[in-house]
Amino acid sequence: IAKFGKINLKFYVVGIFRTNGDGVCFSTGWSYSTCLQYHYVADQKTWTEAQTYCRQTYADLATIGNKEQNDQLLDTITSAGQSSAVWMGLYSTIDWRWSDGFSGVGANYRNWRSDQPDFYSANGLCVAVRNVWSDELCSSKRHPTPLLPEPRSPKCQKLDYG
């Protein structure tokens, strides 16, 4: 639970990971479109643990490149019966970056809460999503939700991050 003044926030992990425990991972190699599928994972993890888990089990934490993908992720979280924030693959060292190295069209898409990012602490450099995005303490425990590509459509094409 993160405290901001009188407000207590819970987050979970979703390839985007959520702040009280849930998150989302995704599998690399497919284009960002309806080919993606998010999965909820009920194990609480820090952002780094979530990233490691997603990379070992799937491909990485979720990358969001547009409103459609953001909405798809939110639908996945809601369908899993979750309402807390989840981790995603966005983090900052100096600039905001995606965990999987994504830098193509949509890499600068953001859906920040109106008062975010606020860099509340030097450790608040990982991003969680509830309905909108906020920077959070990377050491908070969240649940992961893996994001996997759904190669069921001819529109799904392999990506080369070269």
C-alpha atoms as a PDB file:
ATOM      1  CA  ILE A   1       0.000   0.000   0.000  1.00  0.00           C
ATOM      2  CA  ALA A   2       1.443   3.339  -1.043  1.00  0.00           C
ATOM      3  CA  LYS A   3       0.466   6.426   0.956  1.00  0.00           C
ATOM      4  CA  PHE A   4       0.016   9.814  -0.674  1.00  0.00           C
ATOM      5  CA  GLY A   5      -1.090  12.281   1.983  1.00  0.00           C
ATOM      6  CA  LYS A   6      -4.344  10.831   3.307  1.00  0.00           C
ATOM      7  CA  ILE A   7      -4.815   8.515   0.320  1.00  0.00           C
ATOM      8  CA  ASN A   8      -3.809   4.834   0.486  1.00  0.00           C
ATOM      9  CA  LEU A   9      -3.375   3.127  -2.876  1.00  0.00           C
ATOM     10  CA  LYS A  10      -3.199  -0.610  -3.565  1.00  0.00           C
ATOM     11  CA  PHE A  11      -1.517  -1.851  -6.731  1.00  0.00           C
ATOM     12  CA  TYR A  12      -1.179  -5.142  -8.596  1.00  0.00           C
ATOM     13  CA  VAL A  13       0.999  -6.492 -11.423  1.00  0.00           C
ATOM     14  CA  VAL A  14      -0.061  -6.802 -15.033  1.00  0.00           C
ATOM     15  CA  GLY A  15       2.702  -7.097 -17.821  1.00  0.00           C
ATOM     16  CA  ILE A  16       1.711  -4.085 -16.471  1.00  0.00           C
ATOM     17  CA  PHE A  17       1.959  -5.046 -12.851  1.00  0.00           C
ATOM     18  CA  ARG A  18      -0.487  -3.992 -10.201  1.00  0.00           C
ATOM     19  CA  THR A  19       0.367  -2.360  -6.896  1.00  0.00           C
ATOM     20  CA  ASN A  20      -1.185  -4.684  -4.375  1.00  0.00           C
ATOM     21  CA  GLY A  21      -0.317  -7.719  -6.186  1.00  0.00           C
ATOM     22  CA  ASP A  22      -1.494  -8.320  -9.801  1.00  0.00           C
ATOM     23  CA  GLY A  23       0.189  -7.731 -13.136  1.00  0.00           C
ATOM     24  CA  VAL A  24       0.439  -8.325 -16.877  1.00  0.00           C
ATOM     25  CA  CYS A  25       3.223  -9.862 -18.943  1.00  0.00           C
ATOM     26  CA  PHE A  26       3.406 -10.112 -22.682  1.00  0.00           C
ATOM     27  CA  SER A  27       5.163 -12.232 -25.248  1.00  0.00           C
ATOM     28  CA  THR A  28       7.438 -10.453 -27.707  1.00  0.00           C
ATOM     29  CA  GLY A  29       7.664 -10.977 -31.418  1.00  0.00           C
ATOM     30  CA  TRP A  30       4.174 -10.071 -32.630  1.00  0.00           C
ATOM     31  CA  SER A  31       2.798  -6.758 -33.831  1.00  0.00           C
ATOM     32  CA  TYR A  32       0.924  -4.603 -31.326  1.00  0.00           C
ATOM     33  CA  SER A  33      -2.717  -4.936 -32.322  1.00  0.00           C
ATOM     34  CA  THR A  34      -5.621  -7.233 -31.605  1.00  0.00           C
ATOM     35  CA  CYS A  35      -3.014 -10.013 -31.783  1.00  0.00           C
ATOM     36  CA  LEU A  36      -2.120  -9.368 -28.142  1.00  0.00           C
ATOM     37  CA  GLN A  37      -3.738 -11.120 -25.224  1.00  0.00           C
ATOM     38  CA  TYR A  38      -3.232 -10.196 -21.577  1.00  0.00           C
ATOM     39  CA  HIS A  39      -3.311 -12.753 -18.772  1.00  0.00           C
ATOM     40  CA  TYR A  40      -3.775 -12.119 -15.071  1.00  0.00           C
ATOM     41  CA  VAL A  41      -1.279 -13.736 -12.658  1.00  0.00           C
ATOM     42  CA  ALA A  42      -2.224 -13.820  -8.987  1.00  0.00           C
ATOM     43  CA  ASP A  43       1.283 -13.815  -7.454  1.00  0.00           C
ATOM     44  CA  GLN A  44       2.402 -10.588  -5.789  1.00  0.00           C
ATOM     45  CA  LYS A  45       5.768  -9.302  -7.002  1.00  0.00           C
ATOM     46  CA  THR A  46       7.876  -6.165  -6.994  1.00  0.00           C
ATOM     47  CA  TRP A  47       8.312  -4.550 -10.414  1.00  0.00           C
ATOM     48  CA  THR A  48      11.723  -6.216 -10.893  1.00  0.00           C
ATOM     49  CA  GLU A  49      10.395  -9.611  -9.770  1.00  0.00           C
ATOM     50  CA  ALA A  50       7.430  -9.170 -12.106  1.00  0.00           C
ATOM     51  CA  GLN A  51       9.724  -8.299 -15.016  1.00  0.00           C
ATOM     52  CA  THR A  52      11.882 -11.374 -14.331  1.00  0.00           C
ATOM     53  CA  TYR A  53       8.813 -13.606 -14.027  1.00  0.00           C
ATOM     54  CA  CYS A  54       7.324 -12.300 -17.274  1.00  0.00           C
ATOM     55  CA  ARG A  55      10.606 -12.692 -19.133  1.00  0.00           C
ATOM     56  CA  GLN A  56      11.091 -16.257 -17.887  1.00  0.00           C
ATOM     57  CA  THR A  57       7.499 -17.383 -18.329  1.00  0.00           C
ATOM     58  CA  TYR A  58       6.240 -15.282 -21.251  1.00  0.00           C
ATOM     59  CA  ALA A  59       8.295 -12.501 -22.818  1.00  0.00           C
ATOM     60  CA  ASP A  60       8.155  -9.310 -20.757  1.00  0.00           C
ATOM     61  CA  LEU A  61       5.904  -6.870 -18.939  1.00  0.00           C
ATOM     62  CA  ALA A  62       3.103  -5.380 -21.017  1.00  0.00           C
ATOM     63  CA  THR A  63       3.830  -2.547 -23.418  1.00  0.00           C
ATOM     64  CA  ILE A  64       0.984  -0.168 -24.280  1.00  0.00           C
ATOM     65  CA  GLY A  65       1.235   1.761 -27.539  1.00  0.00           C
ATOM     66  CA  ASN A  66      -2.267   3.190 -27.947  1.00  0.00           C
ATOM     67  CA  LYS A  67      -5.695   3.641 -26.356  1.00  0.00           C
ATOM     68  CA  GLU A  68      -6.994   0.352 -27.814  1.00  0.00           C
ATOM     69  CA  GLN A  69      -4.243  -1.630 -26.072  1.00  0.00           C
ATOM     70  CA  ASN A  70      -4.744   0.322 -22.853  1.00  0.00           C
ATOM     71  CA  ASP A  71      -8.481  -0.460 -22.947  1.00  0.00           C
ATOM     72  CA  GLN A  72      -7.741  -4.132 -23.685  1.00  0.00           C
ATOM     73  CA  LEU A  73      -5.476  -4.304 -20.647  1.00  0.00           C
ATOM     74  CA  LEU A  74      -8.079  -2.625 -18.427  1.00  0.00           C
ATOM     75  CA  ASP A  75     -10.710  -5.096 -19.680  1.00  0.00           C
ATOM     76  CA  THR A  76      -8.407  -7.988 -18.761  1.00  0.00           C
ATOM     77  CA  ILE A  77      -7.881  -6.637 -15.253  1.00  0.00           C
ATOM     78  CA  THR A  78     -11.626  -6.068 -14.788  1.00  0.00           C
ATOM     79  CA  SER A  79     -12.478  -9.529 -16.177  1.00  0.00           C
ATOM     80  CA  ALA A  80     -10.141 -11.043 -13.579  1.00  0.00           C
ATOM     81  CA  GLY A  81     -12.235  -9.331 -10.904  1.00  0.00           C
ATOM     82  CA  GLN A  82      -9.437  -6.942  -9.966  1.00  0.00           C
ATOM     83  CA  SER A  83      -9.793  -3.239  -9.228  1.00  0.00           C
ATOM     84  CA  SER A  84      -6.345  -2.401  -7.869  1.00  0.00           C
ATOM     85  CA  ALA A  85      -3.477  -1.016  -9.918  1.00  0.00           C
ATOM     86  CA  VAL A  86      -1.153  -3.407 -11.801  1.00  0.00           C
ATOM     87  CA  TRP A  87       2.459  -3.079 -12.960  1.00  0.00           C
ATOM     88  CA  MET A  88       3.233  -2.445 -16.594  1.00  0.00           C
ATOM     89  CA  GLY A  89       6.520  -2.406 -18.499  1.00  0.00           C
ATOM     90  CA  LEU A  90       7.085   1.356 -18.339  1.00  0.00           C
ATOM     91  CA  TYR A  91       9.901   2.564 -16.076  1.00  0.00           C
ATOM     92  CA  SER A  92      12.333   5.453 -15.829  1.00  0.00           C
ATOM     93  CA  THR A  93      16.037   5.837 -15.288  1.00  0.00           C
ATOM     94  CA  ILE A  94      16.175   9.355 -16.725  1.00  0.00           C
ATOM     95  CA  ASP A  95      13.658   8.985 -19.552  1.00  0.00           C
ATOM     96  CA  TRP A  96      10.560   6.765 -19.602  1.00  0.00           C
ATOM     97  CA  ARG A  97      11.313   3.444 -21.337  1.00  0.00           C
ATOM     98  CA  TRP A  98       9.547   0.172 -22.061  1.00  0.00           C
ATOM     99  CA  SER A  99      10.921  -2.953 -20.404  1.00  0.00           C
ATOM    100  CA  ASP A 100      10.974  -4.856 -23.705  1.00  0.00           C
ATOM    101  CA  GLY A 101      12.900  -2.090 -25.493  1.00  0.00           C
ATOM    102  CA  PHE A 102       9.909  -1.055 -27.641  1.00  0.00           C
ATOM    103  CA  SER A 103      10.645   2.279 -29.322  1.00  0.00           C
ATOM    104  CA  GLY A 104       8.457   2.163 -32.445  1.00  0.00           C
ATOM    105  CA  VAL A 105       5.210   3.919 -33.310  1.00  0.00           C
ATOM    106  CA  GLY A 106       3.208   4.319 -30.109  1.00  0.00           C
ATOM    107  CA  ALA A 107       6.195   4.072 -27.759  1.00  0.00           C
ATOM    108  CA  ASN A 108       5.428   7.573 -26.463  1.00  0.00           C
ATOM    109  CA  TYR A 109       1.740   6.847 -25.781  1.00  0.00           C
ATOM    110  CA  ARG A 110       0.880   7.777 -22.175  1.00  0.00           C
ATOM    111  CA  ASN A 111      -2.296   7.772 -20.101  1.00  0.00           C
ATOM    112  CA  TRP A 112      -1.115   9.474 -16.893  1.00  0.00           C
ATOM    113  CA  ARG A 113      -3.389  10.404 -14.026  1.00  0.00           C
ATOM    114  CA  SER A 114      -3.686  14.220 -13.953  1.00  0.00           C
ATOM    115  CA  ASP A 115      -1.157  14.606 -11.107  1.00  0.00           C
ATOM    116  CA  GLN A 116       1.332  12.090 -12.562  1.00  0.00           C
ATOM    117  CA  PRO A 117       4.119  11.389 -12.979  1.00  0.00           C
ATOM    118  CA  ASP A 118       5.088  13.001  -9.699  1.00  0.00           C
ATOM    119  CA  PHE A 119       8.328  11.122  -8.938  1.00  0.00           C
ATOM    120  CA  TYR A 120       7.045  10.876  -5.336  1.00  0.00           C
ATOM    121  CA  SER A 121      10.312   9.292  -4.325  1.00  0.00           C
ATOM    122  CA  ALA A 122      13.550   8.424  -6.059  1.00  0.00           C
ATOM    123  CA  ASN A 123      12.252   4.856  -6.103  1.00  0.00           C
ATOM    124  CA  GLY A 124       8.935   5.785  -7.772  1.00  0.00           C
ATOM    125  CA  LEU A 125      10.197   5.091 -11.238  1.00  0.00           C
ATOM    126  CA  CYS A 126       7.958   2.156 -12.184  1.00  0.00           C
ATOM    127  CA  VAL A 127       4.476   2.565 -13.637  1.00  0.00           C
ATOM    128  CA  ALA A 128       1.234   0.998 -12.426  1.00  0.00           C
ATOM    129  CA  VAL A 129      -2.203   1.285 -14.027  1.00  0.00           C
ATOM    130  CA  ARG A 130      -5.634   1.323 -12.473  1.00  0.00           C
ATOM    131  CA  ASN A 131      -7.749   3.319 -14.907  1.00  0.00           C
ATOM    132  CA  VAL A 132      -4.907   5.744 -15.579  1.00  0.00           C
ATOM    133  CA  TRP A 133      -1.157   5.487 -15.066  1.00  0.00           C
ATOM    134  CA  SER A 134       0.923   6.571 -12.085  1.00  0.00           C
ATOM    135  CA  ASP A 135       4.560   6.222 -11.072  1.00  0.00           C
ATOM    136  CA  GLU A 136       4.952   4.041  -8.005  1.00  0.00           C
ATOM    137  CA  LEU A 137       7.580   2.586  -5.716  1.00  0.00           C
ATOM    138  CA  CYS A 138       9.227  -0.255  -7.649  1.00  0.00           C
ATOM    139  CA  SER A 139       9.569  -2.216  -4.407  1.00  0.00           C
ATOM    140  CA  SER A 140       5.786  -2.422  -3.871  1.00  0.00           C
ATOM    141  CA  LYS A 141       4.253  -5.884  -4.324  1.00  0.00           C
ATOM    142  CA  ARG A 142       1.751  -6.346  -7.193  1.00  0.00           C
ATOM    143  CA  HIS A 143       0.195  -9.263  -9.114  1.00  0.00           C
ATOM    144  CA  PRO A 144       1.452  -9.885 -12.676  1.00  0.00           C
ATOM    145  CA  THR A 145      -0.832 -10.310 -15.690  1.00  0.00           C
ATOM    146  CA  PRO A 146       1.062 -11.703 -18.672  1.00  0.00           C
ATOM    147  CA  LEU A 147       0.369 -10.347 -22.115  1.00  0.00           C
ATOM    148  CA  LEU A 148       0.647 -12.942 -24.858  1.00  0.00           C
ATOM    149  CA  PRO A 149       0.255 -12.449 -28.600  1.00  0.00           C
ATOM    150  CA  GLU A 150      -2.695 -14.245 -30.150  1.00  0.00           C
ATOM    151  CA  PRO A 151      -1.324 -15.435 -33.515  1.00  0.00           C
ATOM    152  CA  ARG A 152      -4.807 -16.347 -34.749  1.00  0.00           C
ATOM    153  CA  SER A 153      -4.994 -13.667 -37.396  1.00  0.00           C
ATOM    154  CA  PRO A 154      -2.967 -13.101 -40.565  1.00  0.00           C
ATOM    155  CA  LYS A 155      -2.608  -9.511 -39.306  1.00  0.00           C
ATOM    156  CA  CYS A 156      -0.251 -10.771 -36.580  1.00  0.00           C
ATOM    157  CA  GLN A 157       3.250 -10.279 -37.867  1.00  0.00           C
ATOM    158  CA  LYS A 158       6.581 -10.920 -36.239  1.00  0.00           C
ATOM    159  CA  LEU A 159       8.411  -7.812 -35.062  1.00  0.00           C
ATOM    160  CA  ASP A 160      12.150  -7.345 -35.281  1.00  0.00           C
ATOM    161  CA  TYR A 161      13.486  -5.148 -32.501  1.00  0.00           C
ATOM    162  CA  GLY A 162      16.976  -5.676 -33.976  1.00  0.00           C
END
